[in-house]
Amino acid sequence: MRRPSLSVLVVGCGNIGGAFDQVRSRNAWPLTHAGAWTRHGGFRITACADPDAHRRAIFLRHWGVESGFDSCTQAIDSGERWDVVSICSPTASHFYDVMTALQSQPRLIFCEKPLAPTAAEAEAIVKACETAGVLLAVNHTRRWAPDVREFGRQLATGEHGEVRSISARYGKGVLNNGSHLLDLLSFWLGPLELLSAGRAVHDFWPDDPTVPALLAASSGICISIGCAYAADYSLFEVELVTSTAVIAMEDGGLAWRLRLPGPSTQFAGSKTLDAGRRLPGRYLEAMVGAADNIYDGLLNDAPLLSTGSTALVAQRLCETLRNEASPAHRPDKP
């Protein structure tokens, strides 16, 4: 039996909208909204919107899209209607674009993270979607990565013993990248409490510093978060010290490292950790997982793994962290 086809409007034709995949093999796991919709097969991108005419033309040609508009407003005013609206515009435009998209009553809005520049705007978006009866998914991507979900299950069932502590490192803004990290930790551990915020570092965005922090999970697990500097290199890692191993998610989820204890070769009666094994991660499967979950949610009422409500938890914590941080530090650029 042929699957129903759902129509999609993509708002924003930049990197995450489709450009990352326009220079990659069509056989590669997609990194973008357009790539995920196309790879899935149950969606049809029938229109896009972007104020940059050149970028819009490339998107139309590459993805075989019929209609192009210079804004979300123009798209909605055209009278066309879509089952799904992908919001891939800059963060500052999310609030306006979501509210505009709601006028056409789509079945679901899939919005990039962060949901909005402020928690107040994010709350308004969530409430407006609930009032309109429109589903809202937010692209905290790792919630759709199969290995991230499986690792969360393993933590919940105690397969790695007791979690003693967690350390993490990120850069490129507490809202833009830190929201991914805080959402991931919440996904695995449940509610988080901010114990203290450190000195903010402006490493990329002028209005979104990277902030170190000390947090605690509801179980009492201590979590320390350190800063990288985005101009040096990208860094997004989480390391868990458990009673049975040290387990690290590296390269943003592209790899994992497992270090196991064994008898010390130097100190009798002691155990030490080995050098570890690096294992492949499944982060690149996340966007396909998002499309699968959204399709199942629309056709079979399956629960969405990343929603406006879950994104709002991370957004509020990001805002609190930024507000409580010490004055920003601006290190000299190389």
C-alpha atoms as a PDB file:
ATOM      1  CA  MET A   1       0.000   0.000   0.000  1.00  0.00           C
ATOM      2  CA  ARG A   2       1.375   3.386  -1.024  1.00  0.00           C
ATOM      3  CA  ARG A   3       2.109   5.778   1.831  1.00  0.00           C
ATOM      4  CA  PRO A   4       0.284   9.126   1.890  1.00  0.00           C
ATOM      5  CA  SER A   5       2.445  12.011   0.702  1.00  0.00           C
ATOM      6  CA  LEU A   6       2.643  15.114   2.900  1.00  0.00           C
ATOM      7  CA  SER A   7       3.369  18.546   1.427  1.00  0.00           C
ATOM      8  CA  VAL A   8       6.131  20.732   2.875  1.00  0.00           C
ATOM      9  CA  LEU A   9       7.053  24.426   2.795  1.00  0.00           C
ATOM     10  CA  VAL A  10      10.699  25.119   3.701  1.00  0.00           C
ATOM     11  CA  VAL A  11      11.241  28.620   5.104  1.00  0.00           C
ATOM     12  CA  GLY A  12      14.944  29.463   4.843  1.00  0.00           C
ATOM     13  CA  CYS A  13      17.127  27.982   2.100  1.00  0.00           C
ATOM     14  CA  GLY A  14      20.454  28.269   3.934  1.00  0.00           C
ATOM     15  CA  ASN A  15      22.699  25.574   5.375  1.00  0.00           C
ATOM     16  CA  ILE A  16      20.236  23.698   7.576  1.00  0.00           C
ATOM     17  CA  GLY A  17      17.363  24.288   5.151  1.00  0.00           C
ATOM     18  CA  GLY A  18      19.127  22.404   2.372  1.00  0.00           C
ATOM     19  CA  ALA A  19      22.540  23.843   1.454  1.00  0.00           C
ATOM     20  CA  PHE A  20      24.659  21.409   3.508  1.00  0.00           C
ATOM     21  CA  ASP A  21      23.262  18.533   1.453  1.00  0.00           C
ATOM     22  CA  GLN A  22      23.539  20.320  -1.891  1.00  0.00           C
ATOM     23  CA  VAL A  23      27.308  19.630  -1.919  1.00  0.00           C
ATOM     24  CA  ARG A  24      27.143  16.072  -0.549  1.00  0.00           C
ATOM     25  CA  SER A  25      26.412  12.733  -2.161  1.00  0.00           C
ATOM     26  CA  ARG A  26      22.729  11.921  -2.422  1.00  0.00           C
ATOM     27  CA  ASN A  27      23.596   8.561  -0.862  1.00  0.00           C
ATOM     28  CA  ALA A  28      24.947  10.204   2.303  1.00  0.00           C
ATOM     29  CA  TRP A  29      22.819  10.575   5.404  1.00  0.00           C
ATOM     30  CA  PRO A  30      21.067  13.962   5.046  1.00  0.00           C
ATOM     31  CA  LEU A  31      21.988  16.831   7.354  1.00  0.00           C
ATOM     32  CA  THR A  32      19.170  19.204   6.403  1.00  0.00           C
ATOM     33  CA  HIS A  33      15.406  19.556   6.437  1.00  0.00           C
ATOM     34  CA  ALA A  34      15.163  19.305   2.645  1.00  0.00           C
ATOM     35  CA  GLY A  35      17.480  16.307   2.604  1.00  0.00           C
ATOM     36  CA  ALA A  36      15.482  14.514   5.289  1.00  0.00           C
ATOM     37  CA  TRP A  37      12.091  15.170   3.658  1.00  0.00           C
ATOM     38  CA  THR A  38      13.424  13.989   0.300  1.00  0.00           C
ATOM     39  CA  ARG A  39      15.194  10.899   1.681  1.00  0.00           C
ATOM     40  CA  HIS A  40      12.111   9.792   3.632  1.00  0.00           C
ATOM     41  CA  GLY A  41       9.862   9.535   0.586  1.00  0.00           C
ATOM     42  CA  GLY A  42       6.639  10.342   2.427  1.00  0.00           C
ATOM     43  CA  PHE A  43       7.009  14.103   1.991  1.00  0.00           C
ATOM     44  CA  ARG A  44       6.963  16.438  -1.023  1.00  0.00           C
ATOM     45  CA  ILE A  45       8.656  19.846  -0.812  1.00  0.00           C
ATOM     46  CA  THR A  46       6.318  21.931  -2.937  1.00  0.00           C
ATOM     47  CA  ALA A  47       7.553  25.414  -1.973  1.00  0.00           C
ATOM     48  CA  CYS A  48      10.365  27.334  -0.320  1.00  0.00           C
ATOM     49  CA  ALA A  49      10.835  30.880   0.950  1.00  0.00           C
ATOM     50  CA  ASP A  50      14.015  32.925   1.283  1.00  0.00           C
ATOM     51  CA  PRO A  51      14.780  36.638   0.766  1.00  0.00           C
ATOM     52  CA  ASP A  52      18.010  35.804  -1.098  1.00  0.00           C
ATOM     53  CA  ALA A  53      16.923  35.250  -4.720  1.00  0.00           C
ATOM     54  CA  HIS A  54      20.154  33.474  -5.702  1.00  0.00           C
ATOM     55  CA  ARG A  55      20.057  31.072  -2.777  1.00  0.00           C
ATOM     56  CA  ARG A  56      16.369  30.459  -3.374  1.00  0.00           C
ATOM     57  CA  ALA A  57      16.986  29.676  -7.058  1.00  0.00           C
ATOM     58  CA  ILE A  58      19.689  27.129  -6.184  1.00  0.00           C
ATOM     59  CA  PHE A  59      17.352  25.467  -3.681  1.00  0.00           C
ATOM     60  CA  LEU A  60      14.494  25.311  -6.207  1.00  0.00           C
ATOM     61  CA  ARG A  61      16.714  23.767  -8.858  1.00  0.00           C
ATOM     62  CA  HIS A  62      18.544  21.274  -6.628  1.00  0.00           C
ATOM     63  CA  TRP A  63      15.490  19.936  -4.820  1.00  0.00           C
ATOM     64  CA  GLY A  64      13.098  20.148  -7.773  1.00  0.00           C
ATOM     65  CA  VAL A  65      10.714  22.518  -5.988  1.00  0.00           C
ATOM     66  CA  GLU A  66       8.000  24.289  -7.970  1.00  0.00           C
ATOM     67  CA  SER A  67       7.188  27.452  -6.002  1.00  0.00           C
ATOM     68  CA  GLY A  68       9.572  29.983  -4.481  1.00  0.00           C
ATOM     69  CA  PHE A  69       8.727  33.012  -2.345  1.00  0.00           C
ATOM     70  CA  ASP A  70      10.806  35.816  -0.887  1.00  0.00           C
ATOM     71  CA  SER A  71       9.276  35.476   2.600  1.00  0.00           C
ATOM     72  CA  CYS A  72       7.059  33.315   4.739  1.00  0.00           C
ATOM     73  CA  THR A  73       4.402  36.039   4.517  1.00  0.00           C
ATOM     74  CA  GLN A  74       4.407  35.925   0.719  1.00  0.00           C
ATOM     75  CA  ALA A  75       4.133  32.143   0.820  1.00  0.00           C
ATOM     76  CA  ILE A  76       1.131  32.198   3.144  1.00  0.00           C
ATOM     77  CA  ASP A  77      -0.504  35.037   1.196  1.00  0.00           C
ATOM     78  CA  SER A  78      -0.253  32.943  -1.979  1.00  0.00           C
ATOM     79  CA  GLY A  79      -3.096  30.781  -0.776  1.00  0.00           C
ATOM     80  CA  GLU A  80      -1.073  27.574  -1.013  1.00  0.00           C
ATOM     81  CA  ARG A  81      -1.361  25.232   1.958  1.00  0.00           C
ATOM     82  CA  TRP A  82       1.027  22.664   3.394  1.00  0.00           C
ATOM     83  CA  ASP A  83       0.888  19.762   5.825  1.00  0.00           C
ATOM     84  CA  VAL A  84       4.296  20.678   7.261  1.00  0.00           C
ATOM     85  CA  VAL A  85       6.194  23.965   7.493  1.00  0.00           C
ATOM     86  CA  SER A  86       9.946  23.748   8.133  1.00  0.00           C
ATOM     87  CA  ILE A  87      11.273  26.894   9.828  1.00  0.00           C
ATOM     88  CA  CYS A  88      14.975  27.100   8.913  1.00  0.00           C
ATOM     89  CA  SER A  89      15.332  30.889   8.953  1.00  0.00           C
ATOM     90  CA  PRO A  90      17.720  32.722  11.327  1.00  0.00           C
ATOM     91  CA  THR A  91      16.799  32.489  15.017  1.00  0.00           C
ATOM     92  CA  ALA A  92      15.756  36.145  15.137  1.00  0.00           C
ATOM     93  CA  SER A  93      13.072  35.383  12.523  1.00  0.00           C
ATOM     94  CA  HIS A  94      11.617  32.256  14.132  1.00  0.00           C
ATOM     95  CA  PHE A  95       8.892  33.979  16.140  1.00  0.00           C
ATOM     96  CA  TYR A  96       7.563  35.939  13.176  1.00  0.00           C
ATOM     97  CA  ASP A  97       7.820  33.002  10.767  1.00  0.00           C
ATOM     98  CA  VAL A  98       6.089  30.542  13.103  1.00  0.00           C
ATOM     99  CA  MET A  99       3.257  32.976  13.837  1.00  0.00           C
ATOM    100  CA  THR A 100       2.886  33.655  10.118  1.00  0.00           C
ATOM    101  CA  ALA A 101       2.929  29.964   9.234  1.00  0.00           C
ATOM    102  CA  LEU A 102       0.181  29.283  11.771  1.00  0.00           C
ATOM    103  CA  GLN A 103      -2.184  31.420   9.699  1.00  0.00           C
ATOM    104  CA  SER A 104      -2.270  28.648   7.088  1.00  0.00           C
ATOM    105  CA  GLN A 105      -3.119  25.966   9.668  1.00  0.00           C
ATOM    106  CA  PRO A 106      -0.466  23.367   8.798  1.00  0.00           C
ATOM    107  CA  ARG A 107      -0.647  20.057  10.607  1.00  0.00           C
ATOM    108  CA  LEU A 108       2.878  20.449  12.018  1.00  0.00           C
ATOM    109  CA  ILE A 109       5.665  23.018  12.258  1.00  0.00           C
ATOM    110  CA  PHE A 110       9.247  21.748  12.408  1.00  0.00           C
ATOM    111  CA  CYS A 111      11.367  24.579  13.796  1.00  0.00           C
ATOM    112  CA  GLU A 112      15.114  24.858  14.094  1.00  0.00           C
ATOM    113  CA  LYS A 113      16.625  25.366  17.509  1.00  0.00           C
ATOM    114  CA  PRO A 114      16.764  27.577  19.432  1.00  0.00           C
ATOM    115  CA  LEU A 115      13.037  28.062  19.198  1.00  0.00           C
ATOM    116  CA  ALA A 116      13.389  31.833  19.654  1.00  0.00           C
ATOM    117  CA  PRO A 117      15.909  34.410  20.923  1.00  0.00           C
ATOM    118  CA  THR A 118      14.171  34.616  24.313  1.00  0.00           C
ATOM    119  CA  ALA A 119      12.259  32.255  26.574  1.00  0.00           C
ATOM    120  CA  ALA A 120       9.270  34.608  26.495  1.00  0.00           C
ATOM    121  CA  GLU A 121       9.031  34.355  22.716  1.00  0.00           C
ATOM    122  CA  ALA A 122       9.548  30.598  22.870  1.00  0.00           C
ATOM    123  CA  GLU A 123       6.704  30.298  25.380  1.00  0.00           C
ATOM    124  CA  ALA A 124       4.474  32.361  23.096  1.00  0.00           C
ATOM    125  CA  ILE A 125       5.291  30.081  20.147  1.00  0.00           C
ATOM    126  CA  VAL A 126       4.469  26.945  22.146  1.00  0.00           C
ATOM    127  CA  LYS A 127       1.204  28.423  23.400  1.00  0.00           C
ATOM    128  CA  ALA A 128       0.175  29.647  19.935  1.00  0.00           C
ATOM    129  CA  CYS A 129       0.762  26.222  18.400  1.00  0.00           C
ATOM    130  CA  GLU A 130      -1.204  24.533  21.183  1.00  0.00           C
ATOM    131  CA  THR A 131      -4.078  27.001  20.771  1.00  0.00           C
ATOM    132  CA  ALA A 132      -4.128  26.468  17.009  1.00  0.00           C
ATOM    133  CA  GLY A 133      -4.000  22.685  17.382  1.00  0.00           C
ATOM    134  CA  VAL A 134      -0.766  22.527  15.342  1.00  0.00           C
ATOM    135  CA  LEU A 135       1.949  20.074  16.346  1.00  0.00           C
ATOM    136  CA  LEU A 136       5.365  21.600  17.042  1.00  0.00           C
ATOM    137  CA  ALA A 137       8.650  19.711  16.660  1.00  0.00           C
ATOM    138  CA  VAL A 138      11.973  21.393  17.467  1.00  0.00           C
ATOM    139  CA  ASN A 139      15.239  20.241  15.942  1.00  0.00           C
ATOM    140  CA  HIS A 140      17.205  19.184  18.994  1.00  0.00           C
ATOM    141  CA  THR A 141      18.666  16.650  16.623  1.00  0.00           C
ATOM    142  CA  ARG A 142      20.259  14.143  18.966  1.00  0.00           C
ATOM    143  CA  ARG A 143      16.896  13.046  20.349  1.00  0.00           C
ATOM    144  CA  TRP A 144      16.415  11.317  16.989  1.00  0.00           C
ATOM    145  CA  ALA A 145      19.840   9.636  16.864  1.00  0.00           C
ATOM    146  CA  PRO A 146      19.319   5.881  17.477  1.00  0.00           C
ATOM    147  CA  ASP A 147      22.419   5.451  19.633  1.00  0.00           C
ATOM    148  CA  VAL A 148      21.567   8.470  21.809  1.00  0.00           C
ATOM    149  CA  ARG A 149      18.124   7.032  22.511  1.00  0.00           C
ATOM    150  CA  GLU A 150      19.577   3.580  23.208  1.00  0.00           C
ATOM    151  CA  PHE A 151      22.203   5.013  25.557  1.00  0.00           C
ATOM    152  CA  GLY A 152      19.443   6.832  27.458  1.00  0.00           C
ATOM    153  CA  ARG A 153      17.613   3.530  27.840  1.00  0.00           C
ATOM    154  CA  GLN A 154      20.791   1.891  29.119  1.00  0.00           C
ATOM    155  CA  LEU A 155      21.299   4.636  31.698  1.00  0.00           C
ATOM    156  CA  ALA A 156      17.706   4.307  32.864  1.00  0.00           C
ATOM    157  CA  THR A 157      18.002   0.538  33.336  1.00  0.00           C
ATOM    158  CA  GLY A 158      21.390   0.732  35.070  1.00  0.00           C
ATOM    159  CA  GLU A 159      23.305  -1.189  32.424  1.00  0.00           C
ATOM    160  CA  HIS A 160      26.378   0.952  33.044  1.00  0.00           C
ATOM    161  CA  GLY A 161      26.140   0.866  36.819  1.00  0.00           C
ATOM    162  CA  GLU A 162      25.915   4.029  38.888  1.00  0.00           C
ATOM    163  CA  VAL A 163      26.660   7.353  37.212  1.00  0.00           C
ATOM    164  CA  ARG A 164      29.221   9.103  39.412  1.00  0.00           C
ATOM    165  CA  SER A 165      29.680  12.369  37.536  1.00  0.00           C
ATOM    166  CA  ILE A 166      29.391  13.966  34.114  1.00  0.00           C
ATOM    167  CA  SER A 167      31.556  16.501  32.350  1.00  0.00           C
ATOM    168  CA  ALA A 168      30.795  18.206  29.051  1.00  0.00           C
ATOM    169  CA  ARG A 169      32.361  20.761  26.733  1.00  0.00           C
ATOM    170  CA  TYR A 170      30.813  22.974  24.063  1.00  0.00           C
ATOM    171  CA  GLY A 171      31.308  26.257  22.240  1.00  0.00           C
ATOM    172  CA  LYS A 172      29.517  28.690  19.903  1.00  0.00           C
ATOM    173  CA  GLY A 173      26.945  30.099  22.306  1.00  0.00           C
ATOM    174  CA  VAL A 174      24.889  28.927  25.243  1.00  0.00           C
ATOM    175  CA  LEU A 175      21.653  29.351  23.285  1.00  0.00           C
ATOM    176  CA  ASN A 176      22.772  28.182  19.859  1.00  0.00           C
ATOM    177  CA  ASN A 177      24.878  25.180  20.924  1.00  0.00           C
ATOM    178  CA  GLY A 178      24.415  25.029  24.685  1.00  0.00           C
ATOM    179  CA  SER A 179      20.700  24.410  24.152  1.00  0.00           C
ATOM    180  CA  HIS A 180      21.615  21.189  22.334  1.00  0.00           C
ATOM    181  CA  LEU A 181      23.780  20.130  25.265  1.00  0.00           C
ATOM    182  CA  LEU A 182      21.272  20.982  27.992  1.00  0.00           C
ATOM    183  CA  ASP A 183      18.471  19.318  26.058  1.00  0.00           C
ATOM    184  CA  LEU A 184      20.583  16.173  25.624  1.00  0.00           C
ATOM    185  CA  LEU A 185      21.402  16.021  29.333  1.00  0.00           C
ATOM    186  CA  SER A 186      17.728  16.547  30.210  1.00  0.00           C
ATOM    187  CA  PHE A 187      16.774  13.809  27.753  1.00  0.00           C
ATOM    188  CA  TRP A 188      19.083  11.353  29.518  1.00  0.00           C
ATOM    189  CA  LEU A 189      18.797  12.485  33.127  1.00  0.00           C
ATOM    190  CA  GLY A 190      15.536  14.375  33.607  1.00  0.00           C
ATOM    191  CA  PRO A 191      15.241  17.812  35.261  1.00  0.00           C
ATOM    192  CA  LEU A 192      18.463  19.769  35.799  1.00  0.00           C
ATOM    193  CA  GLU A 193      19.245  22.347  38.476  1.00  0.00           C
ATOM    194  CA  LEU A 194      21.722  25.149  37.880  1.00  0.00           C
ATOM    195  CA  LEU A 195      24.115  25.359  40.842  1.00  0.00           C
ATOM    196  CA  SER A 196      26.408  28.065  39.498  1.00  0.00           C
ATOM    197  CA  ALA A 197      27.328  29.865  36.291  1.00  0.00           C
ATOM    198  CA  GLY A 198      30.885  30.807  35.425  1.00  0.00           C
ATOM    199  CA  ARG A 199      32.434  33.559  33.359  1.00  0.00           C
ATOM    200  CA  ALA A 200      30.884  33.979  29.925  1.00  0.00           C
ATOM    201  CA  VAL A 201      33.093  33.829  26.832  1.00  0.00           C
ATOM    202  CA  HIS A 202      32.277  35.523  23.525  1.00  0.00           C
ATOM    203  CA  ASP A 203      33.651  32.976  21.084  1.00  0.00           C
ATOM    204  CA  PHE A 204      31.316  33.413  18.097  1.00  0.00           C
ATOM    205  CA  TRP A 205      27.989  35.243  18.480  1.00  0.00           C
ATOM    206  CA  PRO A 206      28.097  38.842  19.742  1.00  0.00           C
ATOM    207  CA  ASP A 207      24.830  38.400  21.649  1.00  0.00           C
ATOM    208  CA  ASP A 208      25.160  34.744  22.684  1.00  0.00           C
ATOM    209  CA  PRO A 209      28.220  33.967  24.818  1.00  0.00           C
ATOM    210  CA  THR A 210      29.359  30.482  25.748  1.00  0.00           C
ATOM    211  CA  VAL A 211      28.956  29.975  29.503  1.00  0.00           C
ATOM    212  CA  PRO A 212      30.527  27.351  31.779  1.00  0.00           C
ATOM    213  CA  ALA A 213      28.320  25.914  34.499  1.00  0.00           C
ATOM    214  CA  LEU A 214      27.880  23.494  37.354  1.00  0.00           C
ATOM    215  CA  LEU A 215      24.556  21.643  37.429  1.00  0.00           C
ATOM    216  CA  ALA A 216      22.920  18.773  39.245  1.00  0.00           C
ATOM    217  CA  ALA A 217      20.443  16.192  38.008  1.00  0.00           C
ATOM    218  CA  SER A 218      17.422  15.341  40.142  1.00  0.00           C
ATOM    219  CA  SER A 219      19.220  12.115  41.094  1.00  0.00           C
ATOM    220  CA  GLY A 220      22.048  14.174  42.592  1.00  0.00           C
ATOM    221  CA  ILE A 221      24.549  13.550  39.790  1.00  0.00           C
ATOM    222  CA  CYS A 222      26.996  16.451  39.458  1.00  0.00           C
ATOM    223  CA  ILE A 223      27.510  17.875  35.953  1.00  0.00           C
ATOM    224  CA  SER A 224      30.336  20.239  35.060  1.00  0.00           C
ATOM    225  CA  ILE A 225      30.243  22.099  31.756  1.00  0.00           C
ATOM    226  CA  GLY A 226      33.324  23.746  30.284  1.00  0.00           C
ATOM    227  CA  CYS A 227      33.808  26.124  27.378  1.00  0.00           C
ATOM    228  CA  ALA A 228      35.581  25.707  24.081  1.00  0.00           C
ATOM    229  CA  TYR A 229      36.360  28.617  21.765  1.00  0.00           C
ATOM    230  CA  ALA A 230      34.603  28.312  18.412  1.00  0.00           C
ATOM    231  CA  ALA A 231      37.312  30.170  16.481  1.00  0.00           C
ATOM    232  CA  ASP A 232      39.757  27.394  17.430  1.00  0.00           C
ATOM    233  CA  TYR A 233      37.643  24.379  16.442  1.00  0.00           C
ATOM    234  CA  SER A 234      34.222  22.841  17.002  1.00  0.00           C
ATOM    235  CA  LEU A 235      33.802  20.883  20.218  1.00  0.00           C
ATOM    236  CA  PHE A 236      30.714  19.154  21.609  1.00  0.00           C
ATOM    237  CA  GLU A 237      31.454  16.290  23.995  1.00  0.00           C
ATOM    238  CA  VAL A 238      29.887  14.585  26.990  1.00  0.00           C
ATOM    239  CA  GLU A 239      31.815  12.225  29.277  1.00  0.00           C
ATOM    240  CA  LEU A 240      30.148  10.061  31.907  1.00  0.00           C
ATOM    241  CA  VAL A 241      32.072   8.474  34.761  1.00  0.00           C
ATOM    242  CA  THR A 242      30.166   5.396  35.900  1.00  0.00           C
ATOM    243  CA  SER A 243      30.899   2.582  38.315  1.00  0.00           C
ATOM    244  CA  THR A 244      31.751   0.278  35.399  1.00  0.00           C
ATOM    245  CA  ALA A 245      33.412   2.483  32.775  1.00  0.00           C
ATOM    246  CA  VAL A 246      34.103   5.939  31.436  1.00  0.00           C
ATOM    247  CA  ILE A 247      31.902   6.577  28.398  1.00  0.00           C
ATOM    248  CA  ALA A 248      32.244   9.627  26.175  1.00  0.00           C
ATOM    249  CA  MET A 249      30.205  10.913  23.271  1.00  0.00           C
ATOM    250  CA  GLU A 250      32.709  12.672  20.986  1.00  0.00           C
ATOM    251  CA  ASP A 251      32.610  14.804  17.836  1.00  0.00           C
ATOM    252  CA  GLY A 252      29.054  15.859  18.560  1.00  0.00           C
ATOM    253  CA  GLY A 253      27.869  12.263  18.392  1.00  0.00           C
ATOM    254  CA  LEU A 254      29.881  11.054  15.401  1.00  0.00           C
ATOM    255  CA  ALA A 255      31.854   8.796  17.731  1.00  0.00           C
ATOM    256  CA  TRP A 256      31.868   7.243  21.204  1.00  0.00           C
ATOM    257  CA  ARG A 257      34.790   6.270  23.396  1.00  0.00           C
ATOM    258  CA  LEU A 258      34.619   3.432  25.941  1.00  0.00           C
ATOM    259  CA  ARG A 259      37.277   2.977  28.630  1.00  0.00           C
ATOM    260  CA  LEU A 260      37.049  -0.079  30.848  1.00  0.00           C
ATOM    261  CA  PRO A 261      38.775  -0.798  34.167  1.00  0.00           C
ATOM    262  CA  GLY A 262      41.234  -3.596  34.723  1.00  0.00           C
ATOM    263  CA  PRO A 263      43.997  -4.635  37.150  1.00  0.00           C
ATOM    264  CA  SER A 264      46.773  -2.087  37.416  1.00  0.00           C
ATOM    265  CA  THR A 265      50.111  -3.206  35.996  1.00  0.00           C
ATOM    266  CA  GLN A 266      51.913  -0.949  38.473  1.00  0.00           C
ATOM    267  CA  PHE A 267      49.959  -0.983  41.724  1.00  0.00           C
ATOM    268  CA  ALA A 268      48.848  -4.365  43.050  1.00  0.00           C
ATOM    269  CA  GLY A 269      45.238  -4.509  44.146  1.00  0.00           C
ATOM    270  CA  SER A 270      44.248  -1.395  42.187  1.00  0.00           C
ATOM    271  CA  LYS A 271      42.230  -0.986  39.019  1.00  0.00           C
ATOM    272  CA  THR A 272      42.964   1.500  36.258  1.00  0.00           C
ATOM    273  CA  LEU A 273      41.261   2.405  33.013  1.00  0.00           C
ATOM    274  CA  ASP A 274      42.497   1.175  29.665  1.00  0.00           C
ATOM    275  CA  ALA A 275      43.274   3.486  26.729  1.00  0.00           C
ATOM    276  CA  GLY A 276      39.794   2.928  25.402  1.00  0.00           C
ATOM    277  CA  ARG A 277      38.114   1.994  22.154  1.00  0.00           C
ATOM    278  CA  ARG A 278      36.635   4.525  19.732  1.00  0.00           C
ATOM    279  CA  LEU A 279      33.318   3.397  18.301  1.00  0.00           C
ATOM    280  CA  PRO A 280      31.282   4.937  15.463  1.00  0.00           C
ATOM    281  CA  GLY A 281      28.280   7.046  16.403  1.00  0.00           C
ATOM    282  CA  ARG A 282      24.968   7.304  14.572  1.00  0.00           C
ATOM    283  CA  TYR A 283      24.429  11.048  14.752  1.00  0.00           C
ATOM    284  CA  LEU A 284      24.227  11.332  10.955  1.00  0.00           C
ATOM    285  CA  GLU A 285      21.035   9.260  11.054  1.00  0.00           C
ATOM    286  CA  ALA A 286      19.256  11.835  13.215  1.00  0.00           C
ATOM    287  CA  MET A 287      17.567  13.899  10.492  1.00  0.00           C
ATOM    288  CA  VAL A 288      16.125  10.796   8.875  1.00  0.00           C
ATOM    289  CA  GLY A 289      14.968   9.792  12.352  1.00  0.00           C
ATOM    290  CA  ALA A 290      13.244  13.163  12.701  1.00  0.00           C
ATOM    291  CA  ALA A 291      11.390  12.716   9.422  1.00  0.00           C
ATOM    292  CA  ASP A 292      10.360   9.175  10.417  1.00  0.00           C
ATOM    293  CA  ASN A 293       9.102  10.331  13.817  1.00  0.00           C
ATOM    294  CA  ILE A 294       7.204  13.301  12.367  1.00  0.00           C
ATOM    295  CA  TYR A 295       5.581  11.156   9.685  1.00  0.00           C
ATOM    296  CA  ASP A 296       4.571   8.558  12.279  1.00  0.00           C
ATOM    297  CA  GLY A 297       3.286  11.328  14.538  1.00  0.00           C
ATOM    298  CA  LEU A 298       1.096  12.805  11.825  1.00  0.00           C
ATOM    299  CA  LEU A 299      -0.267   9.522  10.501  1.00  0.00           C
ATOM    300  CA  ASN A 300      -0.338   7.335  13.617  1.00  0.00           C
ATOM    301  CA  ASP A 301      -0.340   9.795  16.539  1.00  0.00           C
ATOM    302  CA  ALA A 302       3.100   8.593  17.664  1.00  0.00           C
ATOM    303  CA  PRO A 303       4.612  10.886  20.328  1.00  0.00           C
ATOM    304  CA  LEU A 304       7.160  13.372  18.998  1.00  0.00           C
ATOM    305  CA  LEU A 305      10.605  12.939  20.548  1.00  0.00           C
ATOM    306  CA  SER A 306      11.430  16.656  20.520  1.00  0.00           C
ATOM    307  CA  THR A 307       8.625  19.146  21.063  1.00  0.00           C
ATOM    308  CA  GLY A 308       8.057  22.767  21.919  1.00  0.00           C
ATOM    309  CA  SER A 309       7.643  21.781  25.547  1.00  0.00           C
ATOM    310  CA  THR A 310      10.951  19.899  25.729  1.00  0.00           C
ATOM    311  CA  ALA A 311      12.729  22.716  23.878  1.00  0.00           C
ATOM    312  CA  LEU A 312      11.281  25.254  26.300  1.00  0.00           C
ATOM    313  CA  VAL A 313      12.912  23.449  29.236  1.00  0.00           C
ATOM    314  CA  ALA A 314      16.339  23.862  27.629  1.00  0.00           C
ATOM    315  CA  GLN A 315      15.612  27.435  26.559  1.00  0.00           C
ATOM    316  CA  ARG A 316      14.671  28.543  30.072  1.00  0.00           C
ATOM    317  CA  LEU A 317      17.804  26.954  31.511  1.00  0.00           C
ATOM    318  CA  CYS A 318      19.961  28.620  28.836  1.00  0.00           C
ATOM    319  CA  GLU A 319      18.462  31.994  29.660  1.00  0.00           C
ATOM    320  CA  THR A 320      18.984  31.520  33.390  1.00  0.00           C
ATOM    321  CA  LEU A 321      22.560  30.445  32.783  1.00  0.00           C
ATOM    322  CA  ARG A 322      23.272  33.471  30.601  1.00  0.00           C
ATOM    323  CA  ASN A 323      21.658  35.858  33.087  1.00  0.00           C
ATOM    324  CA  GLU A 324      23.646  34.479  36.031  1.00  0.00           C
ATOM    325  CA  ALA A 325      27.002  34.325  34.238  1.00  0.00           C
ATOM    326  CA  SER A 326      29.864  36.583  35.269  1.00  0.00           C
ATOM    327  CA  PRO A 327      30.731  39.412  32.839  1.00  0.00           C
ATOM    328  CA  ALA A 328      31.793  38.118  29.471  1.00  0.00           C
ATOM    329  CA  HIS A 329      35.418  37.492  28.616  1.00  0.00           C
ATOM    330  CA  ARG A 330      36.621  38.192  25.079  1.00  0.00           C
ATOM    331  CA  PRO A 331      39.872  36.282  24.521  1.00  0.00           C
ATOM    332  CA  ASP A 332      42.292  37.548  21.893  1.00  0.00           C
ATOM    333  CA  LYS A 333      41.687  35.984  18.507  1.00  0.00           C
ATOM    334  CA  PRO A 334      44.533  33.956  17.032  1.00  0.00           C
END
